[in-house]
């Protein structure tokens, strides 16, 4: 299996839980609020994994061979975020008059909890659009700064999770893990010791 097919297969596996939640959201008696929270948790899980893979590879060298899979994980985080947003629209539809969900969403768009969610989604958009071979070739060295937008996106998503989904302790625990692992980037690289002849 070549790398492109492997990335597609991994992305499909990671998106499978989101596909199930999306399908459940289509049911007339679906608990949309619970589904919104669940899809947000999946999006946060994939995003957290995507941003810690590189520092973890510095701690455990064999993981560096699998860093190319990070693209599929990041795209799964973006895909999960889109399902999360779609279910949020459905939830707002349940509170609004017919066709009035957009006005209701706009009314709360600038509250801290919701604004952090929208900002995180917008920051994830450039890396998602650039996560293909053609974009990487065109961007060259500029691709790395685009990819690094996932880190502030993760910070905003964690703030959104803590405020909107009443998961302050979980969000703080994930924040501590991500922040701690990011500090590894500033440590000097170690090379394996060589034996003297």
N, C-alpha and C. Protein backbone atom coordinates (compact mmCIF):
# COMPACT_ATOMS: atom_id res chain seq x y z
N UNK A 1 0.85 -1.20 0.00
CA UNK A 1 0.00 0.00 0.00
C UNK A 1 0.89 1.25 0.00
N UNK A 2 0.62 2.18 -0.95
CA UNK A 2 1.43 3.40 -0.96
C UNK A 2 0.94 4.38 0.10
N UNK A 3 1.72 5.43 0.28
CA UNK A 3 1.43 6.36 1.38
C UNK A 3 0.09 7.07 1.21
N UNK A 4 -0.24 7.40 0.00
CA UNK A 4 -1.51 8.11 -0.22
C UNK A 4 -2.70 7.25 0.20
N UNK A 5 -2.67 5.97 -0.18
CA UNK A 5 -3.76 5.07 0.21
C UNK A 5 -3.75 4.84 1.72
N UNK A 6 -2.57 4.76 2.31
CA UNK A 6 -2.48 4.57 3.75
C UNK A 6 -3.07 5.77 4.50
N UNK A 7 -2.78 6.97 4.02
CA UNK A 7 -3.34 8.17 4.65
C UNK A 7 -4.86 8.19 4.52
N UNK A 8 -5.35 7.82 3.34
CA UNK A 8 -6.80 7.80 3.13
C UNK A 8 -7.46 6.77 4.02
N UNK A 9 -6.83 5.59 4.14
CA UNK A 9 -7.39 4.53 4.99
C UNK A 9 -7.41 4.96 6.46
N UNK A 10 -6.32 5.57 6.93
CA UNK A 10 -6.28 6.03 8.31
C UNK A 10 -7.32 7.10 8.55
N UNK A 11 -7.44 8.05 7.62
CA UNK A 11 -8.45 9.11 7.77
C UNK A 11 -9.85 8.51 7.86
N UNK A 12 -10.15 7.51 7.03
CA UNK A 12 -11.46 6.87 7.05
C UNK A 12 -11.73 6.20 8.39
N UNK A 13 -10.71 5.53 8.94
CA UNK A 13 -10.86 4.88 10.25
C UNK A 13 -11.12 5.92 11.34
N UNK A 14 -10.36 7.02 11.31
CA UNK A 14 -10.52 8.06 12.33
C UNK A 14 -11.87 8.77 12.22
N UNK A 15 -12.39 8.85 11.01
CA UNK A 15 -13.67 9.54 10.79
C UNK A 15 -14.87 8.63 11.02
N UNK A 16 -14.65 7.33 11.17
CA UNK A 16 -15.77 6.39 11.34
C UNK A 16 -16.68 6.76 12.52
N UNK A 17 -16.12 7.09 13.71
CA UNK A 17 -17.02 7.48 14.82
C UNK A 17 -17.82 8.73 14.50
N UNK A 18 -17.21 9.64 13.75
CA UNK A 18 -17.92 10.88 13.39
C UNK A 18 -19.04 10.61 12.40
N UNK A 19 -18.80 9.66 11.49
CA UNK A 19 -19.85 9.29 10.53
C UNK A 19 -21.05 8.71 11.27
N UNK A 20 -20.78 7.91 12.29
CA UNK A 20 -21.87 7.34 13.09
C UNK A 20 -22.66 8.44 13.81
N UNK A 21 -21.94 9.39 14.39
CA UNK A 21 -22.61 10.48 15.11
C UNK A 21 -23.38 11.37 14.14
N UNK A 22 -22.81 11.60 12.96
CA UNK A 22 -23.52 12.39 11.94
C UNK A 22 -24.82 11.68 11.55
N UNK A 23 -24.75 10.36 11.38
CA UNK A 23 -25.94 9.59 11.01
C UNK A 23 -26.99 9.65 12.11
N UNK A 24 -26.55 9.55 13.37
CA UNK A 24 -27.49 9.64 14.50
C UNK A 24 -28.17 11.01 14.53
N UNK A 25 -27.43 12.04 14.13
CA UNK A 25 -27.99 13.39 14.14
C UNK A 25 -29.11 13.58 13.14
N UNK A 26 -29.22 12.70 12.17
CA UNK A 26 -30.29 12.79 11.17
C UNK A 26 -31.62 12.28 11.69
N UNK A 27 -31.61 11.52 12.79
CA UNK A 27 -32.84 10.95 13.34
C UNK A 27 -33.69 12.05 13.97
N UNK A 28 -35.02 11.97 13.81
CA UNK A 28 -35.90 13.02 14.37
C UNK A 28 -35.81 13.15 15.88
N UNK A 29 -35.55 12.03 16.59
CA UNK A 29 -35.51 12.07 18.05
C UNK A 29 -34.09 12.11 18.60
N UNK A 30 -33.14 12.53 17.79
CA UNK A 30 -31.74 12.55 18.21
C UNK A 30 -31.51 13.57 19.33
N UNK A 31 -30.64 13.21 20.25
CA UNK A 31 -30.22 14.14 21.31
C UNK A 31 -29.07 14.98 20.73
N UNK A 32 -29.43 16.07 20.09
CA UNK A 32 -28.45 16.87 19.35
C UNK A 32 -27.39 17.45 20.27
N UNK A 33 -27.80 17.91 21.44
CA UNK A 33 -26.82 18.50 22.37
C UNK A 33 -25.74 17.49 22.75
N UNK A 34 -26.14 16.25 23.00
CA UNK A 34 -25.17 15.22 23.35
C UNK A 34 -24.26 14.91 22.17
N UNK A 35 -24.82 14.93 20.97
CA UNK A 35 -24.03 14.66 19.77
C UNK A 35 -23.05 15.80 19.49
N UNK A 36 -23.46 17.02 19.75
CA UNK A 36 -22.55 18.17 19.59
C UNK A 36 -21.35 18.01 20.51
N UNK A 37 -21.61 17.65 21.77
CA UNK A 37 -20.52 17.46 22.73
C UNK A 37 -19.62 16.31 22.32
N UNK A 38 -20.22 15.22 21.85
CA UNK A 38 -19.43 14.04 21.47
C UNK A 38 -18.53 14.33 20.28
N UNK A 39 -19.06 15.00 19.27
CA UNK A 39 -18.23 15.31 18.11
C UNK A 39 -17.13 16.30 18.46
N UNK A 40 -17.41 17.22 19.38
CA UNK A 40 -16.37 18.14 19.84
C UNK A 40 -15.25 17.41 20.55
N UNK A 41 -15.61 16.39 21.33
CA UNK A 41 -14.59 15.60 22.03
C UNK A 41 -13.71 14.84 21.04
N UNK A 42 -14.32 14.26 20.00
CA UNK A 42 -13.53 13.56 18.99
C UNK A 42 -12.60 14.52 18.26
N UNK A 43 -13.13 15.69 17.90
CA UNK A 43 -12.29 16.68 17.20
C UNK A 43 -11.11 17.08 18.06
N UNK A 44 -11.36 17.29 19.37
CA UNK A 44 -10.28 17.68 20.27
C UNK A 44 -9.27 16.55 20.42
N UNK A 45 -9.75 15.32 20.46
CA UNK A 45 -8.84 14.18 20.61
C UNK A 45 -7.89 14.08 19.42
N UNK A 46 -8.43 14.16 18.21
CA UNK A 46 -7.58 14.05 17.01
C UNK A 46 -6.63 15.24 16.90
N UNK A 47 -7.12 16.43 17.26
CA UNK A 47 -6.26 17.61 17.18
C UNK A 47 -5.12 17.52 18.20
N UNK A 48 -5.44 17.07 19.40
CA UNK A 48 -4.40 16.94 20.43
C UNK A 48 -3.34 15.93 19.99
N UNK A 49 -3.76 14.82 19.42
CA UNK A 49 -2.80 13.82 18.95
C UNK A 49 -1.93 14.40 17.84
N UNK A 50 -2.55 15.14 16.93
CA UNK A 50 -1.80 15.71 15.80
C UNK A 50 -0.70 16.65 16.27
N UNK A 51 -0.98 17.47 17.31
CA UNK A 51 0.01 18.46 17.72
C UNK A 51 1.08 17.90 18.66
N UNK A 52 0.86 16.70 19.21
CA UNK A 52 1.88 16.14 20.10
C UNK A 52 2.73 15.06 19.43
N UNK A 53 2.41 14.69 18.20
CA UNK A 53 3.16 13.62 17.56
C UNK A 53 4.64 13.98 17.37
N UNK A 54 4.91 15.22 16.95
CA UNK A 54 6.31 15.63 16.72
C UNK A 54 7.12 15.64 18.02
N UNK A 55 6.65 16.28 19.10
CA UNK A 55 7.44 16.22 20.34
C UNK A 55 7.57 14.81 20.91
N UNK A 56 6.54 13.99 20.73
CA UNK A 56 6.64 12.61 21.20
C UNK A 56 7.71 11.84 20.42
N UNK A 57 7.85 12.20 19.13
CA UNK A 57 8.87 11.53 18.31
C UNK A 57 10.27 11.87 18.79
N UNK A 58 10.44 13.02 19.45
CA UNK A 58 11.75 13.36 20.00
C UNK A 58 12.05 12.54 21.25
N UNK A 59 10.97 12.15 21.95
CA UNK A 59 11.16 11.30 23.12
C UNK A 59 11.35 9.84 22.73
N UNK A 60 10.62 9.43 21.72
CA UNK A 60 10.67 8.03 21.29
C UNK A 60 10.94 8.00 19.79
N UNK A 61 12.18 7.81 19.43
CA UNK A 61 12.65 7.92 18.05
C UNK A 61 11.88 7.09 17.02
N UNK A 62 11.48 5.84 17.35
CA UNK A 62 10.76 5.05 16.33
C UNK A 62 9.49 5.73 15.81
N UNK A 63 8.90 6.61 16.64
CA UNK A 63 7.69 7.30 16.20
C UNK A 63 7.96 8.25 15.04
N UNK A 64 9.19 8.72 14.91
CA UNK A 64 9.51 9.67 13.84
C UNK A 64 9.25 9.07 12.46
N UNK A 65 9.30 7.75 12.36
CA UNK A 65 9.02 7.10 11.08
C UNK A 65 7.55 7.18 10.71
N UNK A 66 6.71 7.48 11.69
CA UNK A 66 5.26 7.52 11.46
C UNK A 66 4.71 8.94 11.40
N UNK A 67 5.59 9.94 11.44
CA UNK A 67 5.11 11.33 11.46
C UNK A 67 4.33 11.70 10.20
N UNK A 68 4.59 11.01 9.10
CA UNK A 68 3.87 11.31 7.87
C UNK A 68 2.36 11.01 8.02
N UNK A 69 2.00 10.18 9.02
CA UNK A 69 0.58 9.88 9.26
C UNK A 69 -0.15 11.04 9.93
N UNK A 70 0.62 12.01 10.43
CA UNK A 70 0.02 13.15 11.11
C UNK A 70 -0.94 13.91 10.21
N UNK A 71 -0.68 13.87 8.90
CA UNK A 71 -1.56 14.57 7.97
C UNK A 71 -2.99 14.04 8.06
N UNK A 72 -3.14 12.71 8.11
CA UNK A 72 -4.46 12.10 8.21
C UNK A 72 -5.13 12.44 9.53
N UNK A 73 -4.34 12.47 10.61
CA UNK A 73 -4.89 12.79 11.94
C UNK A 73 -5.38 14.24 11.97
N UNK A 74 -4.58 15.15 11.41
CA UNK A 74 -5.00 16.55 11.35
C UNK A 74 -6.24 16.75 10.52
N UNK A 75 -6.33 16.06 9.39
CA UNK A 75 -7.52 16.16 8.55
C UNK A 75 -8.75 15.56 9.23
N UNK A 76 -8.53 14.53 10.04
CA UNK A 76 -9.64 13.96 10.81
C UNK A 76 -10.12 14.96 11.86
N UNK A 77 -9.19 15.70 12.46
CA UNK A 77 -9.58 16.74 13.42
C UNK A 77 -10.43 17.81 12.75
N UNK A 78 -10.02 18.20 11.54
CA UNK A 78 -10.80 19.21 10.82
C UNK A 78 -12.16 18.63 10.41
N UNK A 79 -12.17 17.39 9.92
CA UNK A 79 -13.44 16.77 9.54
C UNK A 79 -14.39 16.64 10.71
N UNK A 80 -13.85 16.25 11.87
CA UNK A 80 -14.67 16.14 13.07
C UNK A 80 -15.21 17.51 13.48
N UNK A 81 -14.40 18.54 13.30
CA UNK A 81 -14.84 19.91 13.62
C UNK A 81 -15.99 20.34 12.73
N UNK A 82 -15.95 19.93 11.47
CA UNK A 82 -17.03 20.27 10.55
C UNK A 82 -18.32 19.56 10.93
N UNK A 83 -18.22 18.29 11.33
CA UNK A 83 -19.42 17.58 11.80
C UNK A 83 -19.94 18.23 13.08
N UNK A 84 -19.04 18.63 13.96
CA UNK A 84 -19.40 19.35 15.18
C UNK A 84 -20.16 20.63 14.85
N UNK A 85 -19.67 21.38 13.86
CA UNK A 85 -20.33 22.61 13.47
C UNK A 85 -21.71 22.34 12.89
N UNK A 86 -21.82 21.30 12.04
CA UNK A 86 -23.11 20.97 11.42
C UNK A 86 -24.15 20.63 12.49
N UNK A 87 -23.74 19.86 13.49
CA UNK A 87 -24.67 19.50 14.56
C UNK A 87 -25.02 20.71 15.42
N UNK A 88 -24.08 21.64 15.56
CA UNK A 88 -24.37 22.88 16.28
C UNK A 88 -25.46 23.67 15.56
N UNK A 89 -25.38 23.71 14.22
CA UNK A 89 -26.42 24.38 13.44
C UNK A 89 -27.77 23.72 13.67
N UNK A 90 -27.80 22.38 13.70
CA UNK A 90 -29.04 21.66 13.97
C UNK A 90 -29.58 21.98 15.37
N UNK A 91 -28.66 22.08 16.34
CA UNK A 91 -29.07 22.41 17.70
C UNK A 91 -29.71 23.79 17.75
N UNK A 92 -29.11 24.76 17.05
CA UNK A 92 -29.67 26.11 17.02
C UNK A 92 -31.02 26.13 16.31
N UNK A 93 -31.16 25.25 15.32
CA UNK A 93 -32.44 25.16 14.61
C UNK A 93 -33.55 24.72 15.55
N UNK A 94 -33.21 23.92 16.54
CA UNK A 94 -34.20 23.46 17.51
C UNK A 94 -34.66 24.55 18.45
N UNK A 95 -33.88 25.61 18.61
CA UNK A 95 -34.23 26.71 19.51
C UNK A 95 -34.85 27.90 18.79
N UNK A 96 -34.74 27.94 17.47
CA UNK A 96 -35.14 29.13 16.71
C UNK A 96 -36.43 28.88 15.93
N UNK A 97 -37.02 29.97 15.49
CA UNK A 97 -38.13 29.89 14.55
C UNK A 97 -37.61 29.36 13.22
N UNK A 98 -38.47 28.81 12.37
CA UNK A 98 -38.00 28.28 11.08
C UNK A 98 -37.16 29.30 10.31
N UNK A 99 -35.95 28.92 9.96
CA UNK A 99 -35.05 29.80 9.22
C UNK A 99 -34.32 30.81 10.09
N UNK A 100 -34.58 30.81 11.40
CA UNK A 100 -33.97 31.81 12.26
C UNK A 100 -32.73 31.36 12.99
N UNK A 101 -32.23 30.15 12.65
CA UNK A 101 -31.06 29.65 13.39
C UNK A 101 -29.81 30.49 13.14
N UNK A 102 -29.71 31.09 11.92
CA UNK A 102 -28.51 31.88 11.61
C UNK A 102 -28.48 33.16 12.43
N UNK A 103 -29.64 33.78 12.62
CA UNK A 103 -29.70 34.97 13.46
C UNK A 103 -29.35 34.63 14.91
N UNK A 104 -29.81 33.47 15.37
CA UNK A 104 -29.52 33.04 16.73
C UNK A 104 -28.02 32.75 16.89
N UNK A 105 -27.43 32.12 15.88
CA UNK A 105 -26.00 31.84 15.91
C UNK A 105 -25.19 33.13 15.90
N UNK A 106 -25.62 34.10 15.10
CA UNK A 106 -24.92 35.38 15.04
C UNK A 106 -25.01 36.11 16.38
N UNK A 107 -26.15 35.99 17.05
CA UNK A 107 -26.36 36.69 18.31
C UNK A 107 -25.38 36.20 19.39
N UNK A 108 -25.01 34.92 19.34
CA UNK A 108 -24.10 34.40 20.36
C UNK A 108 -22.69 34.17 19.83
N UNK A 109 -22.44 34.56 18.57
CA UNK A 109 -21.14 34.26 17.93
C UNK A 109 -19.96 34.93 18.63
N UNK A 110 -20.20 36.07 19.28
CA UNK A 110 -19.09 36.82 19.87
C UNK A 110 -19.00 36.64 21.38
N UNK A 111 -19.74 35.67 21.92
CA UNK A 111 -19.53 35.32 23.32
C UNK A 111 -18.23 34.50 23.39
N UNK A 112 -17.49 34.60 24.50
CA UNK A 112 -16.16 33.97 24.56
C UNK A 112 -16.16 32.48 24.20
N UNK A 113 -17.12 31.74 24.73
CA UNK A 113 -17.13 30.30 24.48
C UNK A 113 -17.33 29.95 23.01
N UNK A 114 -18.24 30.63 22.36
CA UNK A 114 -18.54 30.34 20.95
C UNK A 114 -17.47 30.93 20.03
N UNK A 115 -17.00 32.13 20.35
CA UNK A 115 -15.99 32.78 19.51
C UNK A 115 -14.71 31.95 19.45
N UNK A 116 -14.32 31.35 20.56
CA UNK A 116 -13.12 30.52 20.54
C UNK A 116 -13.30 29.30 19.63
N UNK A 117 -14.51 28.76 19.58
CA UNK A 117 -14.78 27.63 18.69
C UNK A 117 -14.67 28.02 17.23
N UNK A 118 -15.28 29.14 16.85
CA UNK A 118 -15.19 29.61 15.46
C UNK A 118 -13.76 29.93 15.07
N UNK A 119 -13.03 30.59 15.99
CA UNK A 119 -11.64 30.96 15.70
C UNK A 119 -10.78 29.71 15.52
N UNK A 120 -11.00 28.69 16.34
CA UNK A 120 -10.24 27.44 16.19
C UNK A 120 -10.52 26.80 14.84
N UNK A 121 -11.78 26.79 14.43
CA UNK A 121 -12.14 26.21 13.13
C UNK A 121 -11.49 26.97 11.98
N UNK A 122 -11.48 28.29 12.06
CA UNK A 122 -10.85 29.10 11.01
C UNK A 122 -9.35 28.87 10.95
N UNK A 123 -8.71 28.68 12.10
CA UNK A 123 -7.27 28.41 12.11
C UNK A 123 -6.95 27.03 11.55
N UNK A 124 -7.88 26.10 11.67
CA UNK A 124 -7.65 24.76 11.14
C UNK A 124 -7.85 24.71 9.62
N UNK A 125 -8.54 25.69 9.07
CA UNK A 125 -8.83 25.66 7.64
C UNK A 125 -7.58 25.73 6.76
N UNK A 126 -6.64 26.68 6.98
CA UNK A 126 -5.44 26.71 6.13
C UNK A 126 -4.62 25.41 6.15
N UNK A 127 -4.34 24.82 7.34
CA UNK A 127 -3.61 23.54 7.31
C UNK A 127 -4.36 22.44 6.58
N UNK A 128 -5.69 22.44 6.72
CA UNK A 128 -6.48 21.41 6.04
C UNK A 128 -6.38 21.58 4.53
N UNK A 129 -6.48 22.82 4.05
CA UNK A 129 -6.39 23.08 2.61
C UNK A 129 -5.00 22.80 2.07
N UNK A 130 -3.99 22.96 2.93
CA UNK A 130 -2.61 22.75 2.49
C UNK A 130 -2.11 21.33 2.69
N UNK A 131 -2.98 20.45 3.20
CA UNK A 131 -2.55 19.08 3.49
C UNK A 131 -2.68 18.17 2.27
N UNK A 132 -2.03 18.56 1.21
CA UNK A 132 -1.96 17.71 0.02
C UNK A 132 -0.60 17.96 -0.64
N UNK A 133 -0.18 17.00 -1.45
CA UNK A 133 1.16 17.07 -2.03
C UNK A 133 1.36 18.31 -2.89
N UNK A 134 0.35 18.68 -3.66
CA UNK A 134 0.47 19.84 -4.56
C UNK A 134 0.67 21.12 -3.76
N UNK A 135 -0.13 21.32 -2.71
CA UNK A 135 -0.01 22.52 -1.88
C UNK A 135 1.33 22.56 -1.16
N UNK A 136 1.80 21.40 -0.69
CA UNK A 136 3.08 21.36 0.00
C UNK A 136 4.23 21.72 -0.94
N UNK A 137 4.14 21.25 -2.20
CA UNK A 137 5.18 21.60 -3.17
C UNK A 137 5.16 23.09 -3.48
N UNK A 138 3.96 23.66 -3.59
CA UNK A 138 3.84 25.07 -3.93
C UNK A 138 4.27 25.98 -2.78
N UNK A 139 3.91 25.59 -1.56
CA UNK A 139 4.24 26.42 -0.40
C UNK A 139 5.70 26.29 0.02
N UNK A 140 6.29 25.12 -0.22
CA UNK A 140 7.68 24.85 0.16
C UNK A 140 7.90 25.12 1.63
N UNK A 141 8.84 26.00 1.97
CA UNK A 141 9.14 26.25 3.38
C UNK A 141 8.00 26.95 4.11
N UNK A 142 7.13 27.63 3.37
CA UNK A 142 6.01 28.32 4.00
C UNK A 142 4.96 27.35 4.53
N UNK A 143 5.09 26.07 4.15
CA UNK A 143 4.10 25.09 4.59
C UNK A 143 4.19 24.86 6.10
N UNK A 144 5.39 24.91 6.66
CA UNK A 144 5.56 24.67 8.09
C UNK A 144 4.79 25.68 8.95
N UNK A 145 4.93 27.00 8.69
CA UNK A 145 4.13 27.95 9.48
C UNK A 145 2.63 27.72 9.35
N UNK A 146 2.19 27.30 8.17
CA UNK A 146 0.76 26.99 8.00
C UNK A 146 0.39 25.81 8.88
N UNK A 147 1.21 24.79 8.88
CA UNK A 147 0.96 23.60 9.69
C UNK A 147 0.91 23.95 11.17
N UNK A 148 1.76 24.88 11.59
CA UNK A 148 1.83 25.24 13.02
C UNK A 148 0.60 25.99 13.51
N UNK A 149 -0.29 26.40 12.62
CA UNK A 149 -1.55 27.02 13.04
C UNK A 149 -2.40 26.05 13.86
N UNK A 150 -2.10 24.76 13.75
CA UNK A 150 -2.85 23.78 14.54
C UNK A 150 -2.65 23.97 16.03
N UNK A 151 -1.50 24.52 16.43
CA UNK A 151 -1.23 24.69 17.86
C UNK A 151 -2.11 25.78 18.49
N UNK A 152 -2.17 27.01 17.93
CA UNK A 152 -3.12 27.97 18.50
C UNK A 152 -4.58 27.52 18.33
N UNK A 153 -4.84 26.77 17.26
CA UNK A 153 -6.19 26.23 17.10
C UNK A 153 -6.54 25.29 18.24
N UNK A 154 -5.57 24.47 18.65
CA UNK A 154 -5.79 23.56 19.78
C UNK A 154 -6.03 24.34 21.06
N UNK A 155 -5.28 25.41 21.27
CA UNK A 155 -5.46 26.23 22.48
C UNK A 155 -6.87 26.83 22.51
N UNK A 156 -7.32 27.35 21.38
CA UNK A 156 -8.66 27.93 21.31
C UNK A 156 -9.74 26.87 21.47
N UNK A 157 -9.50 25.70 20.87
CA UNK A 157 -10.48 24.61 20.99
C UNK A 157 -10.60 24.14 22.44
N UNK A 158 -9.49 24.13 23.16
CA UNK A 158 -9.53 23.75 24.57
C UNK A 158 -10.29 24.78 25.40
N UNK A 159 -10.10 26.06 25.08
CA UNK A 159 -10.87 27.11 25.77
C UNK A 159 -12.36 26.94 25.49
N UNK A 160 -12.69 26.67 24.24
CA UNK A 160 -14.08 26.42 23.84
C UNK A 160 -14.65 25.22 24.59
N UNK A 161 -13.87 24.17 24.67
CA UNK A 161 -14.30 22.95 25.36
C UNK A 161 -14.55 23.21 26.85
N UNK A 162 -13.66 23.98 27.47
CA UNK A 162 -13.77 24.26 28.90
C UNK A 162 -15.00 25.10 29.22
N UNK A 163 -15.29 26.10 28.36
CA UNK A 163 -16.38 27.04 28.66
C UNK A 163 -17.73 26.50 28.23
N UNK A 164 -17.82 26.02 26.98
CA UNK A 164 -19.12 25.66 26.42
C UNK A 164 -19.57 24.28 26.87
N UNK A 165 -18.64 23.34 26.92
CA UNK A 165 -19.02 21.95 27.19
C UNK A 165 -18.78 21.53 28.64
N UNK A 166 -18.57 22.51 29.51
CA UNK A 166 -18.42 22.25 30.96
C UNK A 166 -17.41 21.14 31.23
N UNK A 167 -16.27 21.22 30.54
CA UNK A 167 -15.23 20.21 30.70
C UNK A 167 -13.93 20.88 31.11
N UNK A 168 -14.01 21.73 32.12
CA UNK A 168 -12.84 22.53 32.51
C UNK A 168 -11.68 21.64 32.94
N UNK A 169 -11.94 20.64 33.78
CA UNK A 169 -10.85 19.80 34.28
C UNK A 169 -10.21 18.99 33.16
N UNK A 170 -11.04 18.44 32.29
CA UNK A 170 -10.51 17.67 31.16
C UNK A 170 -9.68 18.56 30.24
N UNK A 171 -10.22 19.76 29.96
CA UNK A 171 -9.51 20.70 29.09
C UNK A 171 -8.18 21.11 29.69
N UNK A 172 -8.15 21.35 31.01
CA UNK A 172 -6.91 21.74 31.65
C UNK A 172 -5.89 20.60 31.65
N UNK A 173 -6.38 19.36 31.81
CA UNK A 173 -5.48 18.21 31.78
C UNK A 173 -4.85 18.05 30.39
N UNK A 174 -5.67 18.20 29.35
CA UNK A 174 -5.15 18.10 27.99
C UNK A 174 -4.19 19.24 27.71
N UNK A 175 -4.52 20.43 28.19
CA UNK A 175 -3.64 21.60 28.01
C UNK A 175 -2.28 21.34 28.64
N UNK A 176 -2.27 20.79 29.84
CA UNK A 176 -1.01 20.52 30.54
C UNK A 176 -0.16 19.51 29.76
N UNK A 177 -0.81 18.48 29.22
CA UNK A 177 -0.08 17.47 28.45
C UNK A 177 0.51 18.07 27.19
N UNK A 178 -0.32 18.82 26.45
CA UNK A 178 0.16 19.42 25.20
C UNK A 178 1.28 20.41 25.48
N UNK A 179 1.07 21.29 26.47
CA UNK A 179 2.08 22.30 26.79
C UNK A 179 3.39 21.65 27.24
N UNK A 180 3.27 20.63 28.08
CA UNK A 180 4.47 19.95 28.55
C UNK A 180 5.25 19.31 27.42
N UNK A 181 4.54 18.66 26.50
CA UNK A 181 5.22 18.02 25.38
C UNK A 181 5.79 19.04 24.40
N UNK A 182 5.14 20.20 24.26
CA UNK A 182 5.67 21.21 23.35
C UNK A 182 7.00 21.77 23.86
N UNK A 183 7.21 21.75 25.18
CA UNK A 183 8.47 22.24 25.74
C UNK A 183 9.65 21.39 25.29
N UNK A 184 9.37 20.15 24.91
CA UNK A 184 10.44 19.27 24.43
C UNK A 184 11.11 19.83 23.19
N UNK A 185 10.35 20.61 22.41
CA UNK A 185 10.91 21.21 21.19
C UNK A 185 12.11 22.10 21.49
N UNK A 186 12.16 22.66 22.70
CA UNK A 186 13.22 23.60 23.06
C UNK A 186 14.43 22.92 23.69
N UNK A 187 14.32 21.61 23.90
CA UNK A 187 15.45 20.88 24.45
C UNK A 187 16.44 20.56 23.34
N UNK A 188 17.74 20.52 23.65
CA UNK A 188 18.70 20.18 22.61
C UNK A 188 18.52 18.76 22.13
N UNK A 189 18.66 18.56 20.83
CA UNK A 189 18.51 17.22 20.25
C UNK A 189 19.64 16.34 20.73
N UNK A 190 19.30 15.12 21.09
CA UNK A 190 20.33 14.18 21.53
C UNK A 190 20.62 13.18 20.43
N UNK A 191 21.88 12.85 20.31
CA UNK A 191 22.29 11.86 19.31
C UNK A 191 22.70 10.57 20.00
N UNK A 192 22.40 9.43 19.38
CA UNK A 192 22.83 8.19 20.03
C UNK A 192 24.34 8.11 20.16
N UNK A 193 24.79 7.60 21.30
CA UNK A 193 26.24 7.51 21.55
C UNK A 193 26.87 6.50 20.58
N UNK A 194 28.06 6.82 20.12
CA UNK A 194 28.78 5.92 19.21
C UNK A 194 29.89 5.23 19.98
N UNK A 195 30.08 3.99 19.67
CA UNK A 195 31.12 3.22 20.36
C UNK A 195 32.50 3.58 19.82
N UNK A 196 33.44 3.65 20.70
CA UNK A 196 34.83 3.91 20.27
C UNK A 196 35.48 2.59 19.84
N UNK A 197 36.24 2.68 18.78
CA UNK A 197 36.91 1.47 18.27
C UNK A 197 38.00 1.03 19.22
